Amino acid sequence: MTLETRDVDGIVIALIPGRALDARNAPAFKAAAAPLFESGAKVVFDMERVEFVDSAGIGALVSCLRRANTVQGELKLSSLTKQVRTLFQLVRMHQVLEIFNSCDEAIRSYQA
């Protein structure tokens, strides 16, 4: 898996490809995301294309959050679809990961 990334004022925006983050692609996602988390990294995962996340996908996101915390970095999510946002609220992931409606909102939160 390849993550499409762009840099906005030192903040890495990574677009998660595909419609699902699940058991099939979670290990590849974690491997692709790992290089993003260097010392003090500020990362936003843009999830606008993701329509389905299972427990393995949630685990992969939590793994990325732990990695970010290990290097004194930060991880935020943006642009969740309605289905994914509802799931995250049901399993209380919105209390673990910062979630924003858009990439612009997430970027502004880093700059505040």
N, C-alpha and C. Protein backbone atom coordinates (compact mmCIF):
# COMPACT_ATOMS: atom_id res chain seq x y z
N MET A 1 0.84 -1.18 0.00
CA MET A 1 0.00 0.00 0.00
C MET A 1 0.88 1.24 0.00
N THR A 2 0.48 2.21 -0.78
CA THR A 2 1.18 3.49 -0.83
C THR A 2 0.24 4.58 -0.37
N LEU A 3 0.73 5.41 0.53
CA LEU A 3 -0.06 6.54 1.00
C LEU A 3 0.34 7.78 0.21
N GLU A 4 -0.65 8.46 -0.33
CA GLU A 4 -0.41 9.72 -1.01
C GLU A 4 -0.28 10.79 0.07
N THR A 5 0.87 11.47 0.11
CA THR A 5 1.11 12.46 1.16
C THR A 5 1.43 13.82 0.56
N ARG A 6 1.16 14.82 1.38
CA ARG A 6 1.56 16.19 1.05
C ARG A 6 1.92 16.88 2.34
N ASP A 7 2.78 17.87 2.24
CA ASP A 7 3.22 18.62 3.40
C ASP A 7 2.59 20.00 3.38
N VAL A 8 1.97 20.39 4.49
CA VAL A 8 1.38 21.72 4.62
C VAL A 8 1.98 22.34 5.88
N ASP A 9 2.93 23.24 5.70
CA ASP A 9 3.58 23.92 6.83
C ASP A 9 4.11 22.95 7.88
N GLY A 10 4.75 21.89 7.44
CA GLY A 10 5.33 20.92 8.36
C GLY A 10 4.38 19.87 8.88
N ILE A 11 3.16 19.88 8.41
CA ILE A 11 2.16 18.89 8.79
C ILE A 11 1.98 17.94 7.62
N VAL A 12 2.10 16.65 7.89
CA VAL A 12 1.96 15.65 6.83
C VAL A 12 0.50 15.24 6.73
N ILE A 13 -0.07 15.42 5.55
CA ILE A 13 -1.42 14.97 5.25
C ILE A 13 -1.29 13.69 4.44
N ALA A 14 -1.84 12.59 4.96
CA ALA A 14 -1.74 11.30 4.27
C ALA A 14 -3.14 10.82 3.92
N LEU A 15 -3.40 10.68 2.64
CA LEU A 15 -4.69 10.19 2.16
C LEU A 15 -4.70 8.67 2.21
N ILE A 16 -5.63 8.11 2.97
CA ILE A 16 -5.74 6.65 3.05
C ILE A 16 -6.46 6.17 1.80
N PRO A 17 -5.79 5.34 1.00
CA PRO A 17 -6.40 4.89 -0.26
C PRO A 17 -7.41 3.78 -0.02
N GLY A 18 -8.27 3.61 -0.97
CA GLY A 18 -9.21 2.51 -0.92
C GLY A 18 -10.44 2.82 -0.10
N ARG A 19 -11.40 1.92 -0.20
CA ARG A 19 -12.69 2.12 0.48
C ARG A 19 -12.74 1.46 1.84
N ALA A 20 -11.75 0.62 2.16
CA ALA A 20 -11.79 -0.11 3.43
C ALA A 20 -10.43 -0.08 4.10
N LEU A 21 -10.47 -0.05 5.41
CA LEU A 21 -9.28 -0.26 6.24
C LEU A 21 -9.67 -1.44 7.13
N ASP A 22 -9.20 -2.62 6.73
CA ASP A 22 -9.67 -3.84 7.39
C ASP A 22 -8.55 -4.86 7.48
N ALA A 23 -8.92 -6.07 7.88
CA ALA A 23 -7.93 -7.13 8.10
C ALA A 23 -7.09 -7.41 6.86
N ARG A 24 -7.65 -7.21 5.68
CA ARG A 24 -6.89 -7.46 4.44
C ARG A 24 -5.74 -6.50 4.27
N ASN A 25 -5.93 -5.23 4.61
CA ASN A 25 -4.90 -4.24 4.30
C ASN A 25 -4.31 -3.52 5.51
N ALA A 26 -4.78 -3.83 6.72
CA ALA A 26 -4.26 -3.16 7.91
C ALA A 26 -2.75 -3.32 8.08
N PRO A 27 -2.18 -4.52 7.91
CA PRO A 27 -0.72 -4.64 8.05
C PRO A 27 0.04 -3.79 7.02
N ALA A 28 -0.44 -3.76 5.79
CA ALA A 28 0.22 -2.94 4.76
C ALA A 28 0.07 -1.46 5.08
N PHE A 29 -1.09 -1.07 5.61
CA PHE A 29 -1.30 0.32 6.01
C PHE A 29 -0.31 0.72 7.10
N LYS A 30 -0.18 -0.11 8.14
CA LYS A 30 0.75 0.21 9.22
C LYS A 30 2.17 0.34 8.69
N ALA A 31 2.57 -0.55 7.80
CA ALA A 31 3.92 -0.49 7.23
C ALA A 31 4.12 0.77 6.41
N ALA A 32 3.11 1.16 5.64
CA ALA A 32 3.21 2.37 4.82
C ALA A 32 3.21 3.64 5.67
N ALA A 33 2.50 3.60 6.80
CA ALA A 33 2.39 4.78 7.66
C ALA A 33 3.61 4.96 8.57
N ALA A 34 4.29 3.89 8.89
CA ALA A 34 5.40 3.94 9.86
C ALA A 34 6.43 5.03 9.56
N PRO A 35 6.87 5.20 8.31
CA PRO A 35 7.89 6.23 8.05
C PRO A 35 7.41 7.67 8.29
N LEU A 36 6.11 7.87 8.39
CA LEU A 36 5.59 9.22 8.62
C LEU A 36 5.88 9.72 10.02
N PHE A 37 6.09 8.79 10.93
CA PHE A 37 6.23 9.15 12.33
C PHE A 37 7.69 9.24 12.75
N GLU A 38 8.27 10.38 12.42
CA GLU A 38 9.61 10.66 12.90
C GLU A 38 9.48 11.63 14.07
N SER A 39 10.56 11.95 14.70
CA SER A 39 10.53 12.77 15.91
C SER A 39 9.70 14.04 15.74
N GLY A 40 8.69 14.17 16.59
CA GLY A 40 7.86 15.37 16.58
C GLY A 40 6.91 15.51 15.41
N ALA A 41 6.68 14.44 14.67
CA ALA A 41 5.85 14.50 13.47
C ALA A 41 4.42 14.91 13.80
N LYS A 42 3.85 15.72 12.93
CA LYS A 42 2.44 16.10 13.00
C LYS A 42 1.78 15.51 11.76
N VAL A 43 0.85 14.57 11.98
CA VAL A 43 0.27 13.82 10.88
C VAL A 43 -1.25 13.90 10.93
N VAL A 44 -1.85 14.03 9.75
CA VAL A 44 -3.30 13.94 9.61
C VAL A 44 -3.59 12.84 8.61
N PHE A 45 -4.40 11.86 9.02
CA PHE A 45 -4.88 10.85 8.09
C PHE A 45 -6.19 11.34 7.51
N ASP A 46 -6.20 11.58 6.20
CA ASP A 46 -7.40 11.98 5.48
C ASP A 46 -8.15 10.71 5.10
N MET A 47 -9.33 10.52 5.69
CA MET A 47 -10.07 9.28 5.51
C MET A 47 -11.30 9.45 4.62
N GLU A 48 -11.27 10.45 3.74
CA GLU A 48 -12.45 10.75 2.94
C GLU A 48 -12.90 9.60 2.04
N ARG A 49 -12.01 8.72 1.64
CA ARG A 49 -12.36 7.61 0.75
C ARG A 49 -12.79 6.35 1.49
N VAL A 50 -12.50 6.30 2.78
CA VAL A 50 -12.73 5.08 3.56
C VAL A 50 -14.19 4.98 3.98
N GLU A 51 -14.84 3.91 3.55
CA GLU A 51 -16.25 3.69 3.86
C GLU A 51 -16.46 2.59 4.88
N PHE A 52 -15.42 1.79 5.14
CA PHE A 52 -15.54 0.67 6.06
C PHE A 52 -14.26 0.50 6.85
N VAL A 53 -14.40 0.34 8.16
CA VAL A 53 -13.26 0.05 9.04
C VAL A 53 -13.69 -1.08 9.97
N ASP A 54 -12.86 -2.11 10.08
CA ASP A 54 -13.16 -3.18 11.03
C ASP A 54 -12.19 -3.09 12.21
N SER A 55 -12.23 -4.07 13.08
CA SER A 55 -11.40 -4.02 14.28
C SER A 55 -9.90 -4.00 13.94
N ALA A 56 -9.52 -4.66 12.89
CA ALA A 56 -8.11 -4.63 12.48
C ALA A 56 -7.71 -3.23 12.01
N GLY A 57 -8.61 -2.56 11.31
CA GLY A 57 -8.35 -1.19 10.87
C GLY A 57 -8.24 -0.24 12.05
N ILE A 58 -9.14 -0.41 13.02
CA ILE A 58 -9.07 0.42 14.23
C ILE A 58 -7.76 0.14 14.96
N GLY A 59 -7.39 -1.12 15.03
CA GLY A 59 -6.13 -1.48 15.67
C GLY A 59 -4.94 -0.84 14.97
N ALA A 60 -4.98 -0.78 13.66
CA ALA A 60 -3.89 -0.16 12.90
C ALA A 60 -3.80 1.33 13.21
N LEU A 61 -4.94 1.99 13.32
CA LEU A 61 -4.94 3.42 13.66
C LEU A 61 -4.42 3.65 15.07
N VAL A 62 -4.81 2.80 16.01
CA VAL A 62 -4.32 2.92 17.39
C VAL A 62 -2.81 2.66 17.42
N SER A 63 -2.34 1.71 16.64
CA SER A 63 -0.91 1.44 16.54
C SER A 63 -0.16 2.68 16.04
N CYS A 64 -0.72 3.35 15.05
CA CYS A 64 -0.11 4.58 14.54
C CYS A 64 -0.10 5.68 15.60
N LEU A 65 -1.17 5.76 16.37
CA LEU A 65 -1.23 6.75 17.46
C LEU A 65 -0.16 6.46 18.50
N ARG A 66 0.01 5.21 18.85
CA ARG A 66 1.07 4.84 19.81
C ARG A 66 2.44 5.20 19.27
N ARG A 67 2.64 4.93 18.00
CA ARG A 67 3.93 5.26 17.38
C ARG A 67 4.17 6.77 17.42
N ALA A 68 3.13 7.54 17.11
CA ALA A 68 3.24 9.00 17.16
C ALA A 68 3.59 9.45 18.58
N ASN A 69 2.92 8.89 19.57
CA ASN A 69 3.19 9.26 20.96
C ASN A 69 4.61 8.91 21.38
N THR A 70 5.12 7.81 20.86
CA THR A 70 6.48 7.36 21.19
C THR A 70 7.53 8.38 20.74
N VAL A 71 7.27 9.05 19.63
CA VAL A 71 8.25 10.01 19.09
C VAL A 71 7.83 11.46 19.38
N GLN A 72 6.96 11.64 20.38
CA GLN A 72 6.44 12.96 20.75
C GLN A 72 5.79 13.66 19.56
N GLY A 73 5.14 12.88 18.73
CA GLY A 73 4.41 13.41 17.59
C GLY A 73 2.91 13.45 17.89
N GLU A 74 2.15 13.79 16.87
CA GLU A 74 0.71 13.85 17.01
C GLU A 74 0.05 13.24 15.78
N LEU A 75 -1.12 12.66 15.99
CA LEU A 75 -1.90 12.09 14.91
C LEU A 75 -3.34 12.55 15.05
N LYS A 76 -3.91 13.01 13.95
CA LYS A 76 -5.30 13.42 13.90
C LYS A 76 -5.95 12.81 12.67
N LEU A 77 -7.26 12.64 12.72
CA LEU A 77 -8.01 12.11 11.58
C LEU A 77 -8.91 13.19 11.03
N SER A 78 -9.16 13.12 9.72
CA SER A 78 -10.07 14.09 9.12
C SER A 78 -10.94 13.42 8.07
N SER A 79 -12.04 14.09 7.78
CA SER A 79 -12.91 13.75 6.65
C SER A 79 -13.49 12.34 6.72
N LEU A 80 -13.89 11.92 7.90
CA LEU A 80 -14.50 10.60 8.02
C LEU A 80 -15.88 10.59 7.36
N THR A 81 -16.18 9.49 6.69
CA THR A 81 -17.51 9.33 6.13
C THR A 81 -18.50 9.14 7.28
N LYS A 82 -19.75 9.30 6.99
CA LYS A 82 -20.79 9.17 8.02
C LYS A 82 -20.74 7.79 8.67
N GLN A 83 -20.57 6.74 7.85
CA GLN A 83 -20.54 5.38 8.36
C GLN A 83 -19.38 5.17 9.33
N VAL A 84 -18.21 5.64 8.94
CA VAL A 84 -17.02 5.46 9.77
C VAL A 84 -17.13 6.30 11.03
N ARG A 85 -17.60 7.53 10.92
CA ARG A 85 -17.76 8.39 12.10
C ARG A 85 -18.73 7.75 13.09
N THR A 86 -19.82 7.19 12.60
CA THR A 86 -20.79 6.53 13.47
C THR A 86 -20.16 5.36 14.20
N LEU A 87 -19.39 4.54 13.48
CA LEU A 87 -18.69 3.42 14.10
C LEU A 87 -17.74 3.92 15.18
N PHE A 88 -16.95 4.94 14.87
CA PHE A 88 -15.98 5.46 15.83
C PHE A 88 -16.67 5.99 17.08
N GLN A 89 -17.84 6.57 16.94
CA GLN A 89 -18.59 7.04 18.11
C GLN A 89 -19.11 5.85 18.92
N LEU A 90 -19.58 4.81 18.24
CA LEU A 90 -20.10 3.63 18.93
C LEU A 90 -19.02 2.94 19.77
N VAL A 91 -17.82 2.87 19.23
CA VAL A 91 -16.73 2.19 19.95
C VAL A 91 -15.84 3.17 20.72
N ARG A 92 -16.28 4.41 20.79
CA ARG A 92 -15.62 5.47 21.57
C ARG A 92 -14.22 5.85 21.07
N MET A 93 -13.95 5.60 19.79
CA MET A 93 -12.65 5.98 19.23
C MET A 93 -12.50 7.50 19.17
N HIS A 94 -13.60 8.22 19.13
CA HIS A 94 -13.52 9.68 19.11
C HIS A 94 -12.97 10.22 20.43
N GLN A 95 -12.90 9.38 21.46
CA GLN A 95 -12.28 9.79 22.71
C GLN A 95 -10.79 9.47 22.74
N VAL A 96 -10.34 8.67 21.79
CA VAL A 96 -8.94 8.26 21.72
C VAL A 96 -8.18 9.07 20.67
N LEU A 97 -8.81 9.27 19.52
CA LEU A 97 -8.20 9.99 18.41
C LEU A 97 -8.94 11.30 18.17
N GLU A 98 -8.19 12.35 17.87
CA GLU A 98 -8.82 13.62 17.52
C GLU A 98 -9.35 13.52 16.09
N ILE A 99 -10.62 13.88 15.92
CA ILE A 99 -11.28 13.75 14.62
C ILE A 99 -11.81 15.12 14.20
N PHE A 100 -11.54 15.47 12.94
CA PHE A 100 -11.96 16.76 12.39
C PHE A 100 -12.77 16.54 11.12
N ASN A 101 -13.65 17.48 10.83
CA ASN A 101 -14.52 17.37 9.66
C ASN A 101 -13.74 17.50 8.35
N SER A 102 -12.63 18.24 8.37
CA SER A 102 -11.85 18.45 7.14
C SER A 102 -10.37 18.51 7.47
N CYS A 103 -9.56 18.37 6.43
CA CYS A 103 -8.11 18.52 6.60
C CYS A 103 -7.77 19.93 7.07
N ASP A 104 -8.47 20.91 6.52
CA ASP A 104 -8.21 22.30 6.91
C ASP A 104 -8.42 22.50 8.40
N GLU A 105 -9.49 21.92 8.96
CA GLU A 105 -9.74 22.03 10.40
C GLU A 105 -8.62 21.37 11.19
N ALA A 106 -8.18 20.21 10.76
CA ALA A 106 -7.10 19.51 11.45
C ALA A 106 -5.81 20.31 11.40
N ILE A 107 -5.51 20.90 10.25
CA ILE A 107 -4.31 21.72 10.12
C ILE A 107 -4.41 22.94 11.05
N ARG A 108 -5.55 23.59 11.08
CA ARG A 108 -5.73 24.75 11.96
C ARG A 108 -5.55 24.37 13.42
N SER A 109 -5.98 23.16 13.79
CA SER A 109 -5.83 22.74 15.18
C SER A 109 -4.36 22.59 15.58
N TYR A 110 -3.52 22.22 14.63
CA TYR A 110 -2.08 22.15 14.90
C TYR A 110 -1.50 23.55 15.03
N GLN A 111 -2.02 24.49 14.30
CA GLN A 111 -1.46 25.83 14.29
C GLN A 111 -1.96 26.68 15.44
N ALA A 112 -3.02 26.22 16.13
CA ALA A 112 -3.58 27.01 17.24
C ALA A 112 -2.69 26.95 18.47
